[in-house]
Amino acid sequence: MSYSKFNLDELLTNFNLNLVEVQGKFNNLPEVLPSKILQELFQDYVPLAVAIGSEKARSELIVAPILVEIKKQLNNQISIFSGIEFNVIPDQGLNGFCDFIISHSNKQLVIEAPVVALVKAKNDNLKSGFSQCIAEMLAAQIFNQRKGNNIDKIYGVVTTGTVWQFLELESETIIVDLAEYSINNLSKIFGILISLVRSGIH
């Protein structure tokens, strides 16, 4: 089994998780304007990613540039991993490849605790990515605990590149923000991501 094999019901049951649905949980976080360079690039990148339509295109042309911009704005205090294997408890299905992992470490050669956020790219239905993203968040929580760096909250993102939804794991409770945030308001998405990733950085 792996992250991608779970359905939501068995994931919640197997790991005794509580699911809480909230509309607009992250909506009040301050907006942050990304750099002019990113805004200019997205005039070409976003239409191209949408036209291609694949998860790979959306990851490379929309998600990755946003995460690199966040890393830059946070003075390289975080590390970003793309398409890397993250095997935590293979016999319970908490293993496999993650689209993006964000860690509060400036080391880029190896994943170090604490892992703070996981990003799952989809090319269509966001809801279909929830279970995989939650499984990855749970793995990150366990990974951090094993490393003695047990931060309070792990964040998750499921995105088509043009539409974004955000999740939070604290203890055994998963909160899903039911609001969908559009790339048309890039400052809103960027502000939420900056706030979530920055939390815990000292």
N, C-alpha and C. Protein backbone atom coordinates (compact mmCIF):
# COMPACT_ATOMS: atom_id res chain seq x y z
N MET A 1 0.84 -1.19 0.00
CA MET A 1 0.00 0.00 0.00
C MET A 1 0.88 1.25 0.00
N SER A 2 0.34 2.39 -0.43
CA SER A 2 1.06 3.65 -0.41
C SER A 2 0.07 4.78 -0.21
N TYR A 3 0.59 6.01 -0.11
CA TYR A 3 -0.27 7.17 0.13
C TYR A 3 -1.46 7.20 -0.85
N SER A 4 -1.18 6.87 -2.10
CA SER A 4 -2.20 7.01 -3.14
C SER A 4 -3.28 5.94 -3.09
N LYS A 5 -3.08 4.90 -2.28
CA LYS A 5 -4.03 3.78 -2.25
C LYS A 5 -5.15 3.96 -1.24
N PHE A 6 -5.01 4.94 -0.35
CA PHE A 6 -6.03 5.13 0.68
C PHE A 6 -7.29 5.78 0.10
N ASN A 7 -8.46 5.38 0.63
CA ASN A 7 -9.63 6.23 0.47
C ASN A 7 -9.84 6.94 1.81
N LEU A 8 -10.63 7.99 1.80
CA LEU A 8 -10.74 8.85 2.97
C LEU A 8 -11.30 8.11 4.18
N ASP A 9 -12.31 7.30 3.97
CA ASP A 9 -12.96 6.62 5.07
C ASP A 9 -12.00 5.66 5.79
N GLU A 10 -11.27 4.85 5.03
CA GLU A 10 -10.36 3.90 5.69
C GLU A 10 -9.17 4.60 6.34
N LEU A 11 -8.77 5.72 5.77
CA LEU A 11 -7.68 6.50 6.37
C LEU A 11 -8.08 7.04 7.74
N LEU A 12 -9.29 7.61 7.81
CA LEU A 12 -9.79 8.14 9.08
C LEU A 12 -9.97 7.03 10.11
N THR A 13 -10.46 5.87 9.65
CA THR A 13 -10.68 4.74 10.56
C THR A 13 -9.38 4.12 11.03
N ASN A 14 -8.47 3.86 10.09
CA ASN A 14 -7.22 3.16 10.42
C ASN A 14 -6.34 3.95 11.39
N PHE A 15 -6.42 5.28 11.29
CA PHE A 15 -5.52 6.10 12.10
C PHE A 15 -6.27 6.94 13.14
N ASN A 16 -7.55 6.59 13.38
CA ASN A 16 -8.35 7.24 14.42
C ASN A 16 -8.33 8.77 14.31
N LEU A 17 -8.56 9.25 13.10
CA LEU A 17 -8.55 10.69 12.86
C LEU A 17 -9.97 11.26 12.90
N ASN A 18 -10.08 12.48 13.42
CA ASN A 18 -11.34 13.20 13.41
C ASN A 18 -11.33 14.20 12.25
N LEU A 19 -12.37 14.20 11.45
CA LEU A 19 -12.46 15.11 10.32
C LEU A 19 -13.40 16.27 10.64
N VAL A 20 -12.89 17.48 10.49
CA VAL A 20 -13.69 18.68 10.73
C VAL A 20 -13.69 19.51 9.45
N GLU A 21 -14.88 19.89 8.99
CA GLU A 21 -15.01 20.69 7.79
C GLU A 21 -15.35 22.13 8.18
N VAL A 22 -14.57 23.07 7.65
CA VAL A 22 -14.76 24.49 7.96
C VAL A 22 -14.76 25.28 6.66
N GLN A 23 -15.70 26.17 6.52
CA GLN A 23 -15.76 27.02 5.33
C GLN A 23 -14.95 28.29 5.56
N GLY A 24 -13.89 28.45 4.78
CA GLY A 24 -13.11 29.69 4.84
C GLY A 24 -12.18 29.82 6.03
N LYS A 25 -11.68 28.71 6.55
CA LYS A 25 -10.81 28.75 7.73
C LYS A 25 -9.60 29.66 7.52
N PHE A 26 -9.03 29.64 6.33
CA PHE A 26 -7.81 30.40 6.08
C PHE A 26 -8.06 31.70 5.33
N ASN A 27 -9.32 32.05 5.17
CA ASN A 27 -9.68 33.19 4.33
C ASN A 27 -9.23 34.53 4.91
N ASN A 28 -9.09 34.60 6.23
CA ASN A 28 -8.75 35.88 6.86
C ASN A 28 -7.25 36.13 6.99
N LEU A 29 -6.44 35.20 6.53
CA LEU A 29 -5.00 35.43 6.58
C LEU A 29 -4.64 36.55 5.60
N PRO A 30 -3.64 37.36 5.94
CA PRO A 30 -3.33 38.53 5.11
C PRO A 30 -2.82 38.15 3.72
N GLU A 31 -3.24 38.91 2.74
CA GLU A 31 -2.75 38.70 1.38
C GLU A 31 -1.31 39.19 1.27
N VAL A 32 -0.54 38.55 0.42
CA VAL A 32 0.85 38.94 0.18
C VAL A 32 1.07 38.98 -1.33
N LEU A 33 1.56 40.10 -1.81
CA LEU A 33 1.78 40.25 -3.24
C LEU A 33 3.10 39.58 -3.63
N PRO A 34 3.06 38.62 -4.54
CA PRO A 34 4.31 38.00 -4.99
C PRO A 34 5.11 38.97 -5.86
N SER A 35 6.32 38.60 -6.18
CA SER A 35 7.19 39.49 -6.95
C SER A 35 6.62 39.77 -8.34
N LYS A 36 7.02 40.90 -8.90
CA LYS A 36 6.59 41.24 -10.26
C LYS A 36 7.06 40.21 -11.27
N ILE A 37 8.22 39.63 -10.99
CA ILE A 37 8.75 38.61 -11.90
C ILE A 37 7.79 37.42 -11.98
N LEU A 38 7.33 36.95 -10.82
CA LEU A 38 6.40 35.82 -10.80
C LEU A 38 5.07 36.21 -11.47
N GLN A 39 4.59 37.39 -11.18
CA GLN A 39 3.34 37.84 -11.81
C GLN A 39 3.47 37.87 -13.33
N GLU A 40 4.60 38.34 -13.83
CA GLU A 40 4.82 38.40 -15.27
C GLU A 40 4.95 37.00 -15.87
N LEU A 41 5.68 36.12 -15.19
CA LEU A 41 5.84 34.76 -15.67
C LEU A 41 4.49 34.05 -15.78
N PHE A 42 3.64 34.29 -14.79
CA PHE A 42 2.35 33.60 -14.75
C PHE A 42 1.41 34.01 -15.88
N GLN A 43 1.67 35.15 -16.50
CA GLN A 43 0.87 35.54 -17.66
C GLN A 43 1.02 34.52 -18.78
N ASP A 44 2.18 33.86 -18.83
CA ASP A 44 2.43 32.82 -19.83
C ASP A 44 2.28 31.42 -19.23
N TYR A 45 2.76 31.25 -18.00
CA TYR A 45 2.80 29.92 -17.40
C TYR A 45 1.42 29.33 -17.16
N VAL A 46 0.51 30.14 -16.58
CA VAL A 46 -0.81 29.62 -16.21
C VAL A 46 -1.61 29.17 -17.44
N PRO A 47 -1.74 30.01 -18.47
CA PRO A 47 -2.47 29.54 -19.66
C PRO A 47 -1.84 28.30 -20.29
N LEU A 48 -0.52 28.22 -20.29
CA LEU A 48 0.16 27.06 -20.86
C LEU A 48 -0.13 25.80 -20.05
N ALA A 49 -0.07 25.92 -18.72
CA ALA A 49 -0.35 24.77 -17.85
C ALA A 49 -1.77 24.28 -18.03
N VAL A 50 -2.71 25.22 -18.15
CA VAL A 50 -4.12 24.86 -18.33
C VAL A 50 -4.32 24.19 -19.68
N ALA A 51 -3.65 24.70 -20.70
CA ALA A 51 -3.79 24.12 -22.03
C ALA A 51 -3.23 22.70 -22.09
N ILE A 52 -2.09 22.48 -21.45
CA ILE A 52 -1.50 21.14 -21.42
C ILE A 52 -2.38 20.20 -20.59
N GLY A 53 -2.77 20.69 -19.41
CA GLY A 53 -3.77 19.99 -18.61
C GLY A 53 -3.28 18.88 -17.71
N SER A 54 -2.03 18.47 -17.81
CA SER A 54 -1.54 17.36 -17.00
C SER A 54 -1.11 17.84 -15.61
N GLU A 55 -1.08 16.89 -14.66
CA GLU A 55 -0.60 17.23 -13.31
C GLU A 55 0.85 17.70 -13.36
N LYS A 56 1.65 17.07 -14.21
CA LYS A 56 3.06 17.43 -14.31
C LYS A 56 3.21 18.88 -14.77
N ALA A 57 2.44 19.29 -15.78
CA ALA A 57 2.53 20.66 -16.27
C ALA A 57 2.09 21.65 -15.22
N ARG A 58 1.00 21.33 -14.53
CA ARG A 58 0.50 22.23 -13.48
C ARG A 58 1.51 22.33 -12.34
N SER A 59 2.14 21.20 -11.99
CA SER A 59 3.16 21.21 -10.93
C SER A 59 4.35 22.08 -11.32
N GLU A 60 4.83 21.88 -12.53
CA GLU A 60 6.06 22.55 -12.96
C GLU A 60 5.86 24.03 -13.26
N LEU A 61 4.71 24.38 -13.84
CA LEU A 61 4.51 25.74 -14.33
C LEU A 61 3.78 26.66 -13.35
N ILE A 62 3.07 26.07 -12.40
CA ILE A 62 2.33 26.91 -11.44
C ILE A 62 2.79 26.68 -10.00
N VAL A 63 2.72 25.41 -9.55
CA VAL A 63 2.99 25.14 -8.13
C VAL A 63 4.46 25.39 -7.79
N ALA A 64 5.37 24.82 -8.55
CA ALA A 64 6.80 24.96 -8.24
C ALA A 64 7.26 26.42 -8.21
N PRO A 65 6.90 27.25 -9.18
CA PRO A 65 7.33 28.65 -9.11
C PRO A 65 6.81 29.38 -7.88
N ILE A 66 5.59 29.05 -7.44
CA ILE A 66 5.05 29.68 -6.24
C ILE A 66 5.86 29.27 -5.02
N LEU A 67 6.18 27.99 -4.90
CA LEU A 67 6.93 27.52 -3.74
C LEU A 67 8.35 28.07 -3.72
N VAL A 68 8.97 28.19 -4.89
CA VAL A 68 10.32 28.77 -4.96
C VAL A 68 10.28 30.23 -4.54
N GLU A 69 9.23 30.94 -4.95
CA GLU A 69 9.07 32.34 -4.54
C GLU A 69 8.91 32.46 -3.02
N ILE A 70 8.16 31.53 -2.43
CA ILE A 70 7.99 31.53 -0.97
C ILE A 70 9.33 31.29 -0.28
N LYS A 71 10.07 30.34 -0.78
CA LYS A 71 11.41 30.05 -0.22
C LYS A 71 12.28 31.30 -0.26
N LYS A 72 12.22 32.01 -1.37
CA LYS A 72 13.01 33.24 -1.52
C LYS A 72 12.55 34.30 -0.54
N GLN A 73 11.22 34.49 -0.41
CA GLN A 73 10.71 35.53 0.49
C GLN A 73 10.99 35.21 1.95
N LEU A 74 11.15 33.93 2.27
CA LEU A 74 11.47 33.53 3.64
C LEU A 74 12.98 33.36 3.85
N ASN A 75 13.74 34.02 2.98
CA ASN A 75 15.20 34.07 3.12
C ASN A 75 15.83 32.69 3.18
N ASN A 76 15.27 31.77 2.39
CA ASN A 76 15.82 30.40 2.28
C ASN A 76 15.88 29.67 3.62
N GLN A 77 14.93 29.99 4.50
CA GLN A 77 14.87 29.29 5.79
C GLN A 77 14.12 27.96 5.68
N ILE A 78 13.58 27.68 4.51
CA ILE A 78 12.87 26.42 4.30
C ILE A 78 13.53 25.65 3.16
N SER A 79 13.21 24.37 3.09
CA SER A 79 13.65 23.56 1.96
C SER A 79 12.42 22.99 1.27
N ILE A 80 12.54 22.77 -0.03
CA ILE A 80 11.44 22.27 -0.84
C ILE A 80 11.92 21.04 -1.60
N PHE A 81 11.12 19.98 -1.53
CA PHE A 81 11.43 18.74 -2.23
C PHE A 81 10.30 18.39 -3.18
N SER A 82 10.65 17.99 -4.39
CA SER A 82 9.64 17.70 -5.41
C SER A 82 9.81 16.27 -5.92
N GLY A 83 8.70 15.52 -5.88
CA GLY A 83 8.70 14.16 -6.43
C GLY A 83 9.65 13.22 -5.72
N ILE A 84 9.79 13.41 -4.40
CA ILE A 84 10.76 12.61 -3.64
C ILE A 84 10.04 11.52 -2.84
N GLU A 85 10.75 10.41 -2.63
CA GLU A 85 10.19 9.30 -1.86
C GLU A 85 10.24 9.64 -0.38
N PHE A 86 9.13 9.38 0.30
CA PHE A 86 9.01 9.71 1.73
C PHE A 86 8.39 8.51 2.42
N ASN A 87 9.24 7.57 2.81
CA ASN A 87 8.78 6.32 3.41
C ASN A 87 8.90 6.40 4.93
N VAL A 88 7.76 6.40 5.62
CA VAL A 88 7.75 6.57 7.06
C VAL A 88 7.34 5.27 7.77
N ILE A 89 6.17 4.73 7.44
CA ILE A 89 5.73 3.43 7.96
C ILE A 89 5.16 2.61 6.79
N PRO A 90 6.02 1.99 6.01
CA PRO A 90 5.56 1.27 4.82
C PRO A 90 4.51 0.20 5.08
N ASP A 91 4.63 -0.51 6.22
CA ASP A 91 3.68 -1.61 6.46
C ASP A 91 2.28 -1.10 6.80
N GLN A 92 2.14 0.22 7.03
CA GLN A 92 0.82 0.81 7.24
C GLN A 92 0.40 1.70 6.07
N GLY A 93 1.16 1.64 5.00
CA GLY A 93 0.81 2.39 3.81
C GLY A 93 1.31 3.81 3.78
N LEU A 94 2.08 4.20 4.79
CA LEU A 94 2.60 5.57 4.82
C LEU A 94 3.97 5.60 4.13
N ASN A 95 3.91 5.43 2.84
CA ASN A 95 5.12 5.41 2.03
C ASN A 95 4.76 5.79 0.59
N GLY A 96 5.77 6.16 -0.16
CA GLY A 96 5.55 6.51 -1.56
C GLY A 96 6.14 7.87 -1.87
N PHE A 97 5.78 8.38 -3.03
CA PHE A 97 6.32 9.64 -3.52
C PHE A 97 5.35 10.78 -3.23
N CYS A 98 5.91 11.93 -2.82
CA CYS A 98 5.11 13.13 -2.57
C CYS A 98 5.41 14.16 -3.65
N ASP A 99 4.37 14.86 -4.09
CA ASP A 99 4.58 15.89 -5.11
C ASP A 99 5.52 16.98 -4.59
N PHE A 100 5.19 17.53 -3.43
CA PHE A 100 6.04 18.55 -2.82
C PHE A 100 6.04 18.40 -1.31
N ILE A 101 7.22 18.53 -0.71
CA ILE A 101 7.39 18.53 0.74
C ILE A 101 8.12 19.82 1.11
N ILE A 102 7.62 20.49 2.15
CA ILE A 102 8.27 21.71 2.64
C ILE A 102 8.72 21.47 4.08
N SER A 103 9.98 21.76 4.35
CA SER A 103 10.56 21.54 5.67
C SER A 103 11.12 22.85 6.23
N HIS A 104 11.06 22.98 7.55
CA HIS A 104 11.69 24.13 8.22
C HIS A 104 13.17 23.85 8.43
N SER A 105 13.85 23.58 7.36
CA SER A 105 15.30 23.37 7.39
C SER A 105 15.87 24.01 6.13
N ASN A 106 17.06 24.58 6.25
CA ASN A 106 17.67 25.16 5.05
C ASN A 106 18.55 24.16 4.31
N LYS A 107 18.57 22.91 4.77
CA LYS A 107 19.33 21.88 4.08
C LYS A 107 18.50 21.27 2.96
N GLN A 108 19.08 21.20 1.77
CA GLN A 108 18.33 20.78 0.61
C GLN A 108 18.68 19.37 0.14
N LEU A 109 19.70 18.76 0.69
CA LEU A 109 20.12 17.45 0.22
C LEU A 109 19.37 16.30 0.87
N VAL A 110 18.78 16.56 2.03
CA VAL A 110 18.07 15.52 2.76
C VAL A 110 16.89 16.14 3.51
N ILE A 111 15.80 15.39 3.62
CA ILE A 111 14.63 15.90 4.35
C ILE A 111 14.93 15.89 5.84
N GLU A 112 14.82 17.04 6.48
CA GLU A 112 15.01 17.14 7.92
C GLU A 112 13.73 17.61 8.58
N ALA A 113 13.53 17.20 9.83
CA ALA A 113 12.38 17.67 10.60
C ALA A 113 12.63 19.12 11.03
N PRO A 114 11.53 19.88 11.18
CA PRO A 114 10.16 19.43 10.98
C PRO A 114 9.65 19.65 9.55
N VAL A 115 9.00 18.65 9.03
CA VAL A 115 8.24 18.83 7.79
C VAL A 115 6.96 19.58 8.16
N VAL A 116 6.69 20.66 7.47
CA VAL A 116 5.57 21.52 7.86
C VAL A 116 4.40 21.48 6.90
N ALA A 117 4.65 21.14 5.63
CA ALA A 117 3.55 21.17 4.67
C ALA A 117 3.79 20.20 3.52
N LEU A 118 2.70 19.65 3.01
CA LEU A 118 2.73 18.75 1.86
C LEU A 118 1.79 19.32 0.80
N VAL A 119 2.21 19.27 -0.45
CA VAL A 119 1.38 19.80 -1.53
C VAL A 119 1.13 18.70 -2.55
N LYS A 120 -0.14 18.46 -2.84
CA LYS A 120 -0.54 17.46 -3.81
C LYS A 120 -1.15 18.15 -5.02
N ALA A 121 -0.60 17.89 -6.20
CA ALA A 121 -1.11 18.48 -7.44
C ALA A 121 -2.08 17.51 -8.11
N LYS A 122 -3.21 18.06 -8.56
CA LYS A 122 -4.21 17.29 -9.29
C LYS A 122 -4.52 18.01 -10.60
N ASN A 123 -4.99 17.26 -11.59
CA ASN A 123 -5.36 17.93 -12.83
C ASN A 123 -6.86 18.10 -12.97
N ASP A 124 -7.62 17.64 -11.96
CA ASP A 124 -9.07 17.82 -12.06
C ASP A 124 -9.71 17.94 -10.68
N ASN A 125 -10.27 16.85 -10.16
CA ASN A 125 -11.07 16.86 -8.95
C ASN A 125 -10.21 16.99 -7.70
N LEU A 126 -10.33 18.12 -6.99
CA LEU A 126 -9.54 18.33 -5.78
C LEU A 126 -9.85 17.30 -4.70
N LYS A 127 -11.13 17.01 -4.52
CA LYS A 127 -11.54 16.10 -3.46
C LYS A 127 -10.85 14.75 -3.56
N SER A 128 -10.57 14.32 -4.78
CA SER A 128 -9.92 13.03 -4.98
C SER A 128 -8.49 13.02 -4.46
N GLY A 129 -7.93 14.19 -4.18
CA GLY A 129 -6.57 14.26 -3.66
C GLY A 129 -6.49 14.36 -2.15
N PHE A 130 -7.67 14.51 -1.48
CA PHE A 130 -7.66 14.71 -0.03
C PHE A 130 -7.02 13.55 0.72
N SER A 131 -7.44 12.33 0.40
CA SER A 131 -6.96 11.18 1.17
C SER A 131 -5.45 11.02 1.05
N GLN A 132 -4.90 11.19 -0.14
CA GLN A 132 -3.46 11.06 -0.31
C GLN A 132 -2.73 12.17 0.45
N CYS A 133 -3.24 13.38 0.37
CA CYS A 133 -2.61 14.50 1.06
C CYS A 133 -2.64 14.29 2.58
N ILE A 134 -3.78 13.84 3.11
CA ILE A 134 -3.90 13.60 4.55
C ILE A 134 -2.95 12.49 4.99
N ALA A 135 -2.83 11.44 4.19
CA ALA A 135 -1.90 10.35 4.51
C ALA A 135 -0.47 10.88 4.58
N GLU A 136 -0.11 11.75 3.67
CA GLU A 136 1.23 12.34 3.67
C GLU A 136 1.43 13.25 4.88
N MET A 137 0.38 13.99 5.25
CA MET A 137 0.46 14.85 6.44
C MET A 137 0.65 14.01 7.70
N LEU A 138 -0.07 12.90 7.79
CA LEU A 138 0.07 12.01 8.93
C LEU A 138 1.49 11.44 9.00
N ALA A 139 2.02 11.07 7.86
CA ALA A 139 3.40 10.55 7.80
C ALA A 139 4.39 11.62 8.28
N ALA A 140 4.14 12.87 7.87
CA ALA A 140 5.02 13.96 8.29
C ALA A 140 4.96 14.16 9.80
N GLN A 141 3.77 14.04 10.36
CA GLN A 141 3.60 14.18 11.81
C GLN A 141 4.43 13.11 12.54
N ILE A 142 4.33 11.88 12.08
CA ILE A 142 5.08 10.77 12.69
C ILE A 142 6.57 10.95 12.48
N PHE A 143 6.96 11.38 11.29
CA PHE A 143 8.37 11.64 10.98
C PHE A 143 8.95 12.68 11.94
N ASN A 144 8.21 13.77 12.15
CA ASN A 144 8.68 14.81 13.06
C ASN A 144 8.81 14.30 14.49
N GLN A 145 7.82 13.52 14.93
CA GLN A 145 7.85 12.96 16.28
C GLN A 145 9.08 12.07 16.48
N ARG A 146 9.37 11.26 15.49
CA ARG A 146 10.53 10.37 15.57
C ARG A 146 11.84 11.15 15.66
N LYS A 147 11.86 12.31 15.02
CA LYS A 147 13.06 13.14 15.01
C LYS A 147 13.13 14.08 16.21
N GLY A 148 12.13 13.98 17.11
CA GLY A 148 12.11 14.83 18.28
C GLY A 148 11.79 16.28 18.00
N ASN A 149 11.08 16.51 16.88
CA ASN A 149 10.73 17.87 16.50
C ASN A 149 9.24 17.92 16.19
N ASN A 150 8.46 17.77 17.23
CA ASN A 150 7.02 17.58 17.08
C ASN A 150 6.29 18.93 17.07
N ILE A 151 6.24 19.58 15.92
CA ILE A 151 5.50 20.84 15.82
C ILE A 151 4.00 20.56 15.95
N ASP A 152 3.26 21.58 16.35
CA ASP A 152 1.84 21.39 16.66
C ASP A 152 1.00 21.05 15.44
N LYS A 153 1.30 21.70 14.31
CA LYS A 153 0.43 21.57 13.16
C LYS A 153 1.20 21.24 11.89
N ILE A 154 0.59 20.39 11.07
CA ILE A 154 1.08 20.08 9.74
C ILE A 154 0.03 20.58 8.76
N TYR A 155 0.47 21.19 7.68
CA TYR A 155 -0.48 21.71 6.70
C TYR A 155 -0.40 20.92 5.40
N GLY A 156 -1.53 20.88 4.73
CA GLY A 156 -1.61 20.20 3.45
C GLY A 156 -2.30 21.09 2.43
N VAL A 157 -1.94 20.88 1.18
CA VAL A 157 -2.53 21.64 0.08
C VAL A 157 -2.87 20.66 -1.04
N VAL A 158 -4.07 20.77 -1.56
CA VAL A 158 -4.45 20.04 -2.76
C VAL A 158 -4.80 21.09 -3.81
N THR A 159 -4.17 21.01 -4.97
CA THR A 159 -4.35 22.07 -5.96
C THR A 159 -4.31 21.54 -7.39
N THR A 160 -5.08 22.18 -8.23
CA THR A 160 -4.98 21.96 -9.67
C THR A 160 -4.05 23.00 -10.28
N GLY A 161 -3.47 23.83 -9.44
CA GLY A 161 -2.68 24.96 -9.91
C GLY A 161 -3.54 26.20 -10.01
N THR A 162 -4.72 26.06 -10.59
CA THR A 162 -5.62 27.19 -10.73
C THR A 162 -6.61 27.30 -9.57
N VAL A 163 -6.86 26.19 -8.87
CA VAL A 163 -7.73 26.17 -7.69
C VAL A 163 -7.00 25.49 -6.55
N TRP A 164 -7.10 26.06 -5.34
CA TRP A 164 -6.34 25.57 -4.19
C TRP A 164 -7.27 25.33 -3.01
N GLN A 165 -7.02 24.23 -2.28
CA GLN A 165 -7.69 23.98 -1.00
C GLN A 165 -6.64 23.61 0.04
N PHE A 166 -6.92 23.99 1.31
CA PHE A 166 -5.94 23.86 2.37
C PHE A 166 -6.47 22.99 3.51
N LEU A 167 -5.55 22.23 4.12
CA LEU A 167 -5.89 21.32 5.21
C LEU A 167 -4.92 21.54 6.36
N GLU A 168 -5.35 21.15 7.56
CA GLU A 168 -4.52 21.28 8.76
C GLU A 168 -4.67 20.02 9.60
N LEU A 169 -3.55 19.50 10.07
CA LEU A 169 -3.54 18.35 10.98
C LEU A 169 -2.95 18.80 12.31
N GLU A 170 -3.76 18.66 13.37
CA GLU A 170 -3.27 18.93 14.72
C GLU A 170 -3.69 17.76 15.61
N SER A 171 -2.70 17.10 16.20
CA SER A 171 -2.96 15.90 16.99
C SER A 171 -3.67 14.87 16.11
N GLU A 172 -4.92 14.52 16.44
CA GLU A 172 -5.64 13.53 15.64
C GLU A 172 -6.81 14.16 14.88
N THR A 173 -6.77 15.47 14.72
CA THR A 173 -7.86 16.17 14.05
C THR A 173 -7.39 16.75 12.72
N ILE A 174 -8.12 16.41 11.67
CA ILE A 174 -7.89 16.97 10.34
C ILE A 174 -8.96 18.02 10.07
N ILE A 175 -8.52 19.23 9.78
CA ILE A 175 -9.46 20.30 9.39
C ILE A 175 -9.31 20.54 7.89
N VAL A 176 -10.42 20.47 7.19
CA VAL A 176 -10.44 20.75 5.75
C VAL A 176 -11.17 22.07 5.52
N ASP A 177 -10.48 23.01 4.93
CA ASP A 177 -11.13 24.26 4.54
C ASP A 177 -11.90 23.98 3.25
N LEU A 178 -13.20 24.05 3.31
CA LEU A 178 -14.04 23.73 2.15
C LEU A 178 -13.99 24.81 1.07
N ALA A 179 -13.47 25.97 1.41
CA ALA A 179 -13.37 27.05 0.43
C ALA A 179 -12.33 26.71 -0.63
N GLU A 180 -12.64 27.05 -1.86
CA GLU A 180 -11.70 26.89 -2.96
C GLU A 180 -11.15 28.26 -3.32
N TYR A 181 -9.81 28.36 -3.35
CA TYR A 181 -9.15 29.63 -3.60
C TYR A 181 -8.59 29.63 -5.03
N SER A 182 -8.92 30.69 -5.78
CA SER A 182 -8.58 30.74 -7.20
C SER A 182 -7.25 31.43 -7.45
N ILE A 183 -6.54 30.95 -8.46
CA ILE A 183 -5.27 31.56 -8.86
C ILE A 183 -5.50 32.98 -9.38
N ASN A 184 -6.75 33.32 -9.70
CA ASN A 184 -7.06 34.68 -10.13
C ASN A 184 -6.79 35.68 -9.02
N ASN A 185 -6.82 35.20 -7.77
CA ASN A 185 -6.42 36.03 -6.63
C ASN A 185 -5.12 35.45 -6.08
N LEU A 186 -4.06 35.64 -6.85
CA LEU A 186 -2.76 35.06 -6.50
C LEU A 186 -2.25 35.57 -5.15
N SER A 187 -2.55 36.82 -4.82
CA SER A 187 -2.09 37.38 -3.55
C SER A 187 -2.73 36.66 -2.36
N LYS A 188 -3.97 36.21 -2.53
CA LYS A 188 -4.65 35.47 -1.46
C LYS A 188 -3.97 34.11 -1.25
N ILE A 189 -3.78 33.37 -2.32
CA ILE A 189 -3.13 32.06 -2.24
C ILE A 189 -1.72 32.21 -1.68
N PHE A 190 -1.01 33.19 -2.20
CA PHE A 190 0.37 33.40 -1.76
C PHE A 190 0.41 33.77 -0.27
N GLY A 191 -0.53 34.61 0.15
CA GLY A 191 -0.58 35.00 1.55
C GLY A 191 -0.86 33.85 2.48
N ILE A 192 -1.80 32.98 2.08
CA ILE A 192 -2.10 31.80 2.90
C ILE A 192 -0.88 30.90 3.01
N LEU A 193 -0.24 30.63 1.88
CA LEU A 193 0.93 29.75 1.88
C LEU A 193 2.05 30.32 2.73
N ILE A 194 2.33 31.61 2.58
CA ILE A 194 3.38 32.25 3.37
C ILE A 194 3.08 32.12 4.86
N SER A 195 1.84 32.37 5.25
CA SER A 195 1.45 32.31 6.66
C SER A 195 1.62 30.89 7.21
N LEU A 196 1.17 29.90 6.45
CA LEU A 196 1.24 28.52 6.92
C LEU A 196 2.68 28.03 7.01
N VAL A 197 3.45 28.31 6.00
CA VAL A 197 4.83 27.83 5.97
C VAL A 197 5.70 28.57 6.98
N ARG A 198 5.40 29.85 7.19
CA ARG A 198 6.19 30.65 8.12
C ARG A 198 5.97 30.23 9.57
N SER A 199 4.80 29.68 9.88
CA SER A 199 4.49 29.33 11.27
C SER A 199 5.55 28.40 11.83
N GLY A 200 6.10 28.77 12.95
CA GLY A 200 7.10 27.93 13.59
C GLY A 200 8.53 28.30 13.25
N ILE A 201 8.73 29.15 12.23
CA ILE A 201 10.09 29.57 11.90
C ILE A 201 10.52 30.63 12.93
N HIS A 202 11.69 30.45 13.46
CA HIS A 202 12.19 31.39 14.48
C HIS A 202 13.39 32.13 13.93
